[in-house]
Amino acid sequence: MLSPLKNRNSQQKLLDENDLPQIKSDFIRTYGYDLWKEIPLNEFFELLPEMHKYIGKQESLRIATLKYYGVKNPK
């Protein structure tokens, strides 16, 4: 089986050990701690793009809500 990290194109940032705590935190926030303990590594890498898409939608909603309430620089 090929590594999912090798399938990324050259314009995207490669993952390293400094990214793992944030990825773990994002995964637990999205799917829960119980799934984190039980998920195999290949399924984790399959869920990773969907997880990032979901978190991006959450962030877009948060920024839109802050703009609606009149916050000038929502970040």
PDB file of N, CA and C in Angstrom:
ATOM      1  N   MET A   1       0.850  -1.175   0.000  1.00  0.00           N
ATOM      2  CA  MET A   1       0.000   0.000   0.000  1.00  0.00           C
ATOM      3  C   MET A   1       0.896   1.238   0.000  1.00  0.00           C
ATOM      4  N   LEU A   2       0.559   2.191  -0.834  1.00  0.00           N
ATOM      5  CA  LEU A   2       1.319   3.437  -0.914  1.00  0.00           C
ATOM      6  C   LEU A   2       0.933   4.368   0.218  1.00  0.00           C
ATOM      7  N   SER A   3       1.877   5.144   0.637  1.00  0.00           N
ATOM      8  CA  SER A   3       1.622   6.101   1.703  1.00  0.00           C
ATOM      9  C   SER A   3       0.772   7.255   1.181  1.00  0.00           C
ATOM     10  N   PRO A   4      -0.277   7.662   1.909  1.00  0.00           N
ATOM     11  CA  PRO A   4      -1.096   8.804   1.487  1.00  0.00           C
ATOM     12  C   PRO A   4      -0.305  10.101   1.450  1.00  0.00           C
ATOM     13  N   LEU A   5       0.779  10.175   2.220  1.00  0.00           N
ATOM     14  CA  LEU A   5       1.571  11.392   2.232  1.00  0.00           C
ATOM     15  C   LEU A   5       2.321  11.578   0.921  1.00  0.00           C
ATOM     16  N   LYS A   6       2.613  10.498   0.205  1.00  0.00           N
ATOM     17  CA  LYS A   6       3.330  10.610  -1.061  1.00  0.00           C
ATOM     18  C   LYS A   6       2.412  11.034  -2.196  1.00  0.00           C
ATOM     19  N   ASN A   7       1.094  10.947  -2.014  1.00  0.00           N
ATOM     20  CA  ASN A   7       0.146  11.312  -3.055  1.00  0.00           C
ATOM     21  C   ASN A   7      -0.110  12.810  -3.120  1.00  0.00           C
ATOM     22  N   ARG A   8       0.415  13.574  -2.195  1.00  0.00           N
ATOM     23  CA  ARG A   8       0.209  15.020  -2.175  1.00  0.00           C
ATOM     24  C   ARG A   8       1.060  15.661  -3.257  1.00  0.00           C
ATOM     25  N   ASN A   9       0.561  16.729  -3.872  1.00  0.00           N
ATOM     26  CA  ASN A   9       1.364  17.389  -4.902  1.00  0.00           C
ATOM     27  C   ASN A   9       2.409  18.300  -4.264  1.00  0.00           C
ATOM     28  N   SER A  10       3.315  18.813  -5.071  1.00  0.00           N
ATOM     29  CA  SER A  10       4.460  19.548  -4.547  1.00  0.00           C
ATOM     30  C   SER A  10       4.086  20.927  -4.000  1.00  0.00           C
ATOM     31  N   GLN A  11       2.913  21.440  -4.317  1.00  0.00           N
ATOM     32  CA  GLN A  11       2.526  22.764  -3.831  1.00  0.00           C
ATOM     33  C   GLN A  11       1.973  22.708  -2.412  1.00  0.00           C
ATOM     34  N   GLN A  12       1.535  21.552  -1.965  1.00  0.00           N
ATOM     35  CA  GLN A  12       0.985  21.436  -0.626  1.00  0.00           C
ATOM     36  C   GLN A  12       2.094  21.172   0.377  1.00  0.00           C
ATOM     37  N   LYS A  13       1.898  21.654   1.597  1.00  0.00           N
ATOM     38  CA  LYS A  13       2.876  21.456   2.658  1.00  0.00           C
ATOM     39  C   LYS A  13       2.844  19.997   3.098  1.00  0.00           C
ATOM     40  N   LEU A  14       3.998  19.401   3.257  1.00  0.00           N
ATOM     41  CA  LEU A  14       4.085  18.034   3.754  1.00  0.00           C
ATOM     42  C   LEU A  14       3.894  18.024   5.264  1.00  0.00           C
ATOM     43  N   LEU A  15       3.313  16.954   5.757  1.00  0.00           N
ATOM     44  CA  LEU A  15       3.102  16.822   7.188  1.00  0.00           C
ATOM     45  C   LEU A  15       4.405  16.429   7.865  1.00  0.00           C
ATOM     46  N   ASP A  16       4.611  16.946   9.057  1.00  0.00           N
ATOM     47  CA  ASP A  16       5.751  16.527   9.861  1.00  0.00           C
ATOM     48  C   ASP A  16       5.280  16.303  11.295  1.00  0.00           C
ATOM     49  N   GLU A  17       6.208  15.976  12.180  1.00  0.00           N
ATOM     50  CA  GLU A  17       5.823  15.624  13.547  1.00  0.00           C
ATOM     51  C   GLU A  17       5.254  16.809  14.318  1.00  0.00           C
ATOM     52  N   ASN A  18       5.525  18.033  13.905  1.00  0.00           N
ATOM     53  CA  ASN A  18       4.979  19.205  14.591  1.00  0.00           C
ATOM     54  C   ASN A  18       3.502  19.408  14.293  1.00  0.00           C
ATOM     55  N   ASP A  19       2.986  18.810  13.214  1.00  0.00           N
ATOM     56  CA  ASP A  19       1.583  18.945  12.845  1.00  0.00           C
ATOM     57  C   ASP A  19       0.685  17.940  13.557  1.00  0.00           C
ATOM     58  N   LEU A  20       1.253  16.875  14.112  1.00  0.00           N
ATOM     59  CA  LEU A  20       0.451  15.798  14.676  1.00  0.00           C
ATOM     60  C   LEU A  20      -0.440  16.212  15.853  1.00  0.00           C
ATOM     61  N   PRO A  21       0.018  17.028  16.801  1.00  0.00           N
ATOM     62  CA  PRO A  21      -0.903  17.414  17.887  1.00  0.00           C
ATOM     63  C   PRO A  21      -2.129  18.176  17.381  1.00  0.00           C
ATOM     64  N   GLN A  22      -1.955  19.054  16.398  1.00  0.00           N
ATOM     65  CA  GLN A  22      -3.089  19.807  15.858  1.00  0.00           C
ATOM     66  C   GLN A  22      -4.034  18.879  15.094  1.00  0.00           C
ATOM     67  N   ILE A  23      -3.486  17.952  14.321  1.00  0.00           N
ATOM     68  CA  ILE A  23      -4.324  17.009  13.577  1.00  0.00           C
ATOM     69  C   ILE A  23      -5.110  16.134  14.545  1.00  0.00           C
ATOM     70  N   LYS A  24      -4.453  15.672  15.619  1.00  0.00           N
ATOM     71  CA  LYS A  24      -5.142  14.854  16.622  1.00  0.00           C
ATOM     72  C   LYS A  24      -6.267  15.654  17.276  1.00  0.00           C
ATOM     73  N   SER A  25      -5.995  16.905  17.617  1.00  0.00           N
ATOM     74  CA  SER A  25      -7.010  17.752  18.239  1.00  0.00           C
ATOM     75  C   SER A  25      -8.189  17.988  17.301  1.00  0.00           C
ATOM     76  N   ASP A  26      -7.899  18.263  16.026  1.00  0.00           N
ATOM     77  CA  ASP A  26      -8.969  18.474  15.045  1.00  0.00           C
ATOM     78  C   ASP A  26      -9.804  17.211  14.856  1.00  0.00           C
ATOM     79  N   PHE A  27      -9.143  16.065  14.812  1.00  0.00           N
ATOM     80  CA  PHE A  27      -9.865  14.811  14.622  1.00  0.00           C
ATOM     81  C   PHE A  27     -10.778  14.519  15.801  1.00  0.00           C
ATOM     82  N   ILE A  28     -10.266  14.704  17.019  1.00  0.00           N
ATOM     83  CA  ILE A  28     -11.081  14.444  18.205  1.00  0.00           C
ATOM     84  C   ILE A  28     -12.238  15.428  18.275  1.00  0.00           C
ATOM     85  N   ARG A  29     -12.009  16.681  17.896  1.00  0.00           N
ATOM     86  CA  ARG A  29     -13.086  17.674  17.898  1.00  0.00           C
ATOM     87  C   ARG A  29     -14.165  17.321  16.887  1.00  0.00           C
ATOM     88  N   THR A  30     -13.770  16.754  15.740  1.00  0.00           N
ATOM     89  CA  THR A  30     -14.718  16.445  14.684  1.00  0.00           C
ATOM     90  C   THR A  30     -15.434  15.117  14.911  1.00  0.00           C
ATOM     91  N   TYR A  31     -14.687  14.068  15.237  1.00  0.00           N
ATOM     92  CA  TYR A  31     -15.250  12.717  15.296  1.00  0.00           C
ATOM     93  C   TYR A  31     -15.377  12.145  16.701  1.00  0.00           C
ATOM     94  N   GLY A  32     -14.715  12.700  17.679  1.00  0.00           N
ATOM     95  CA  GLY A  32     -14.811  12.214  19.046  1.00  0.00           C
ATOM     96  C   GLY A  32     -13.620  11.375  19.464  1.00  0.00           C
ATOM     97  N   TYR A  33     -13.421  11.291  20.768  1.00  0.00           N
ATOM     98  CA  TYR A  33     -12.269  10.590  21.318  1.00  0.00           C
ATOM     99  C   TYR A  33     -12.384   9.078  21.145  1.00  0.00           C
ATOM    100  N   ASP A  34     -13.603   8.542  21.209  1.00  0.00           N
ATOM    101  CA  ASP A  34     -13.777   7.093  21.089  1.00  0.00           C
ATOM    102  C   ASP A  34     -13.305   6.592  19.735  1.00  0.00           C
ATOM    103  N   LEU A  35     -13.609   7.320  18.672  1.00  0.00           N
ATOM    104  CA  LEU A  35     -13.166   6.912  17.340  1.00  0.00           C
ATOM    105  C   LEU A  35     -11.659   7.073  17.198  1.00  0.00           C
ATOM    106  N   TRP A  36     -11.070   8.066  17.854  1.00  0.00           N
ATOM    107  CA  TRP A  36      -9.616   8.260  17.777  1.00  0.00           C
ATOM    108  C   TRP A  36      -8.880   7.042  18.332  1.00  0.00           C
ATOM    109  N   LYS A  37      -9.397   6.453  19.403  1.00  0.00           N
ATOM    110  CA  LYS A  37      -8.735   5.311  20.007  1.00  0.00           C
ATOM    111  C   LYS A  37      -8.827   4.058  19.138  1.00  0.00           C
ATOM    112  N   GLU A  38      -9.866   3.948  18.318  1.00  0.00           N
ATOM    113  CA  GLU A  38     -10.133   2.704  17.609  1.00  0.00           C
ATOM    114  C   GLU A  38      -9.801   2.729  16.118  1.00  0.00           C
ATOM    115  N   ILE A  39      -9.578   3.876  15.531  1.00  0.00           N
ATOM    116  CA  ILE A  39      -9.475   3.979  14.079  1.00  0.00           C
ATOM    117  C   ILE A  39      -8.110   3.485  13.582  1.00  0.00           C
ATOM    118  N   PRO A  40      -8.116   2.665  12.530  1.00  0.00           N
ATOM    119  CA  PRO A  40      -6.841   2.263  11.927  1.00  0.00           C
ATOM    120  C   PRO A  40      -6.230   3.419  11.129  1.00  0.00           C
ATOM    121  N   LEU A  41      -4.949   3.351  10.899  1.00  0.00           N
ATOM    122  CA  LEU A  41      -4.224   4.445  10.263  1.00  0.00           C
ATOM    123  C   LEU A  41      -4.704   4.708   8.838  1.00  0.00           C
ATOM    124  N   ASN A  42      -5.012   3.659   8.078  1.00  0.00           N
ATOM    125  CA  ASN A  42      -5.463   3.881   6.696  1.00  0.00           C
ATOM    126  C   ASN A  42      -6.817   4.585   6.650  1.00  0.00           C
ATOM    127  N   GLU A  43      -7.718   4.283   7.570  1.00  0.00           N
ATOM    128  CA  GLU A  43      -9.001   4.991   7.616  1.00  0.00           C
ATOM    129  C   GLU A  43      -8.802   6.435   8.070  1.00  0.00           C
ATOM    130  N   PHE A  44      -7.849   6.646   8.961  1.00  0.00           N
ATOM    131  CA  PHE A  44      -7.551   8.008   9.412  1.00  0.00           C
ATOM    132  C   PHE A  44      -7.153   8.885   8.226  1.00  0.00           C
ATOM    133  N   PHE A  45      -6.269   8.371   7.361  1.00  0.00           N
ATOM    134  CA  PHE A  45      -5.826   9.157   6.218  1.00  0.00           C
ATOM    135  C   PHE A  45      -6.931   9.324   5.178  1.00  0.00           C
ATOM    136  N   GLU A  46      -7.898   8.418   5.129  1.00  0.00           N
ATOM    137  CA  GLU A  46      -9.050   8.598   4.244  1.00  0.00           C
ATOM    138  C   GLU A  46      -9.981   9.680   4.777  1.00  0.00           C
ATOM    139  N   LEU A  47     -10.119   9.787   6.092  1.00  0.00           N
ATOM    140  CA  LEU A  47     -10.999  10.783   6.700  1.00  0.00           C
ATOM    141  C   LEU A  47     -10.359  12.162   6.804  1.00  0.00           C
ATOM    142  N   LEU A  48      -9.059  12.242   6.665  1.00  0.00           N
ATOM    143  CA  LEU A  48      -8.350  13.510   6.851  1.00  0.00           C
ATOM    144  C   LEU A  48      -8.834  14.624   5.917  1.00  0.00           C
ATOM    145  N   PRO A  49      -8.993  14.404   4.595  1.00  0.00           N
ATOM    146  CA  PRO A  49      -9.495  15.495   3.742  1.00  0.00           C
ATOM    147  C   PRO A  49     -10.923  15.924   4.092  1.00  0.00           C
ATOM    148  N   GLU A  50     -11.772  14.964   4.447  1.00  0.00           N
ATOM    149  CA  GLU A  50     -13.144  15.307   4.836  1.00  0.00           C
ATOM    150  C   GLU A  50     -13.152  16.107   6.135  1.00  0.00           C
ATOM    151  N   MET A  51     -12.271  15.760   7.044  1.00  0.00           N
ATOM    152  CA  MET A  51     -12.175  16.479   8.306  1.00  0.00           C
ATOM    153  C   MET A  51     -11.751  17.924   8.067  1.00  0.00           C
ATOM    154  N   HIS A  52     -10.767  18.130   7.190  1.00  0.00           N
ATOM    155  CA  HIS A  52     -10.316  19.491   6.896  1.00  0.00           C
ATOM    156  C   HIS A  52     -11.404  20.297   6.190  1.00  0.00           C
ATOM    157  N   LYS A  53     -12.183  19.641   5.340  1.00  0.00           N
ATOM    158  CA  LYS A  53     -13.287  20.330   4.663  1.00  0.00           C
ATOM    159  C   LYS A  53     -14.345  20.761   5.685  1.00  0.00           C
ATOM    160  N   TYR A  54     -14.665  19.890   6.637  1.00  0.00           N
ATOM    161  CA  TYR A  54     -15.649  20.184   7.669  1.00  0.00           C
ATOM    162  C   TYR A  54     -15.182  21.339   8.559  1.00  0.00           C
ATOM    163  N   ILE A  55     -13.916  21.320   8.946  1.00  0.00           N
ATOM    164  CA  ILE A  55     -13.373  22.391   9.784  1.00  0.00           C
ATOM    165  C   ILE A  55     -13.346  23.710   9.012  1.00  0.00           C
ATOM    166  N   GLY A  56     -13.066  23.658   7.708  1.00  0.00           N
ATOM    167  CA  GLY A  56     -13.102  24.871   6.883  1.00  0.00           C
ATOM    168  C   GLY A  56     -14.494  25.471   6.821  1.00  0.00           C
ATOM    169  N   LYS A  57     -15.507  24.603   6.723  1.00  0.00           N
ATOM    170  CA  LYS A  57     -16.893  25.096   6.720  1.00  0.00           C
ATOM    171  C   LYS A  57     -17.258  25.706   8.057  1.00  0.00           C
ATOM    172  N   GLN A  58     -16.811  25.107   9.153  1.00  0.00           N
ATOM    173  CA  GLN A  58     -17.067  25.675  10.481  1.00  0.00           C
ATOM    174  C   GLN A  58     -16.437  27.061  10.614  1.00  0.00           C
ATOM    175  N   GLU A  59     -15.210  27.188  10.127  1.00  0.00           N
ATOM    176  CA  GLU A  59     -14.511  28.469  10.218  1.00  0.00           C
ATOM    177  C   GLU A  59     -15.195  29.528   9.353  1.00  0.00           C
ATOM    178  N   SER A  60     -15.658  29.152   8.161  1.00  0.00           N
ATOM    179  CA  SER A  60     -16.376  30.087   7.290  1.00  0.00           C
ATOM    180  C   SER A  60     -17.666  30.569   7.946  1.00  0.00           C
ATOM    181  N   LEU A  61     -18.381  29.656   8.589  1.00  0.00           N
ATOM    182  CA  LEU A  61     -19.609  30.028   9.289  1.00  0.00           C
ATOM    183  C   LEU A  61     -19.309  30.960  10.459  1.00  0.00           C
ATOM    184  N   ARG A  62     -18.233  30.685  11.189  1.00  0.00           N
ATOM    185  CA  ARG A  62     -17.857  31.531  12.315  1.00  0.00           C
ATOM    186  C   ARG A  62     -17.539  32.949  11.851  1.00  0.00           C
ATOM    187  N   ILE A  63     -16.779  33.079  10.762  1.00  0.00           N
ATOM    188  CA  ILE A  63     -16.414  34.398  10.248  1.00  0.00           C
ATOM    189  C   ILE A  63     -17.642  35.130   9.706  1.00  0.00           C
ATOM    190  N   ALA A  64     -18.520  34.417   9.003  1.00  0.00           N
ATOM    191  CA  ALA A  64     -19.738  35.041   8.481  1.00  0.00           C
ATOM    192  C   ALA A  64     -20.625  35.531   9.618  1.00  0.00           C
ATOM    193  N   THR A  65     -20.720  34.747  10.686  1.00  0.00           N
ATOM    194  CA  THR A  65     -21.531  35.146  11.838  1.00  0.00           C
ATOM    195  C   THR A  65     -20.950  36.387  12.506  1.00  0.00           C
ATOM    196  N   LEU A  66     -19.637  36.416  12.663  1.00  0.00           N
ATOM    197  CA  LEU A  66     -19.018  37.591  13.275  1.00  0.00           C
ATOM    198  C   LEU A  66     -19.203  38.834  12.412  1.00  0.00           C
ATOM    199  N   LYS A  67     -19.109  38.685  11.098  1.00  0.00           N
ATOM    200  CA  LYS A  67     -19.345  39.822  10.205  1.00  0.00           C
ATOM    201  C   LYS A  67     -20.784  40.298  10.303  1.00  0.00           C
ATOM    202  N   TYR A  68     -21.727  39.367  10.420  1.00  0.00           N
ATOM    203  CA  TYR A  68     -23.133  39.729  10.552  1.00  0.00           C
ATOM    204  C   TYR A  68     -23.364  40.549  11.814  1.00  0.00           C
ATOM    205  N   TYR A  69     -22.676  40.193  12.889  1.00  0.00           N
ATOM    206  CA  TYR A  69     -22.836  40.919  14.139  1.00  0.00           C
ATOM    207  C   TYR A  69     -22.028  42.199  14.195  1.00  0.00           C
ATOM    208  N   GLY A  70     -21.280  42.508  13.141  1.00  0.00           N
ATOM    209  CA  GLY A  70     -20.626  43.788  13.053  1.00  0.00           C
ATOM    210  C   GLY A  70     -19.168  43.819  13.494  1.00  0.00           C
ATOM    211  N   VAL A  71     -18.555  42.691  13.660  1.00  0.00           N
ATOM    212  CA  VAL A  71     -17.144  42.671  14.021  1.00  0.00           C
ATOM    213  C   VAL A  71     -16.340  43.075  12.784  1.00  0.00           C
ATOM    214  N   LYS A  72     -15.472  44.045  12.935  1.00  0.00           N
ATOM    215  CA  LYS A  72     -14.782  44.607  11.760  1.00  0.00           C
ATOM    216  C   LYS A  72     -13.716  43.688  11.189  1.00  0.00           C
ATOM    217  N   ASN A  73     -12.895  43.077  12.008  1.00  0.00           N
ATOM    218  CA  ASN A  73     -11.829  42.178  11.532  1.00  0.00           C
ATOM    219  C   ASN A  73     -11.945  40.818  12.221  1.00  0.00           C
ATOM    220  N   PRO A  74     -12.873  39.980  11.778  1.00  0.00           N
ATOM    221  CA  PRO A  74     -13.058  38.677  12.450  1.00  0.00           C
ATOM    222  C   PRO A  74     -11.980  37.683  12.068  1.00  0.00           C
ATOM    223  N   LYS A  75     -11.099  37.396  12.962  1.00  0.00           N
ATOM    224  CA  LYS A  75     -10.072  36.371  12.707  1.00  0.00           C
ATOM    225  C   LYS A  75      -9.795  35.587  13.929  1.00  0.00           C
TER     226      LYS A  75
END
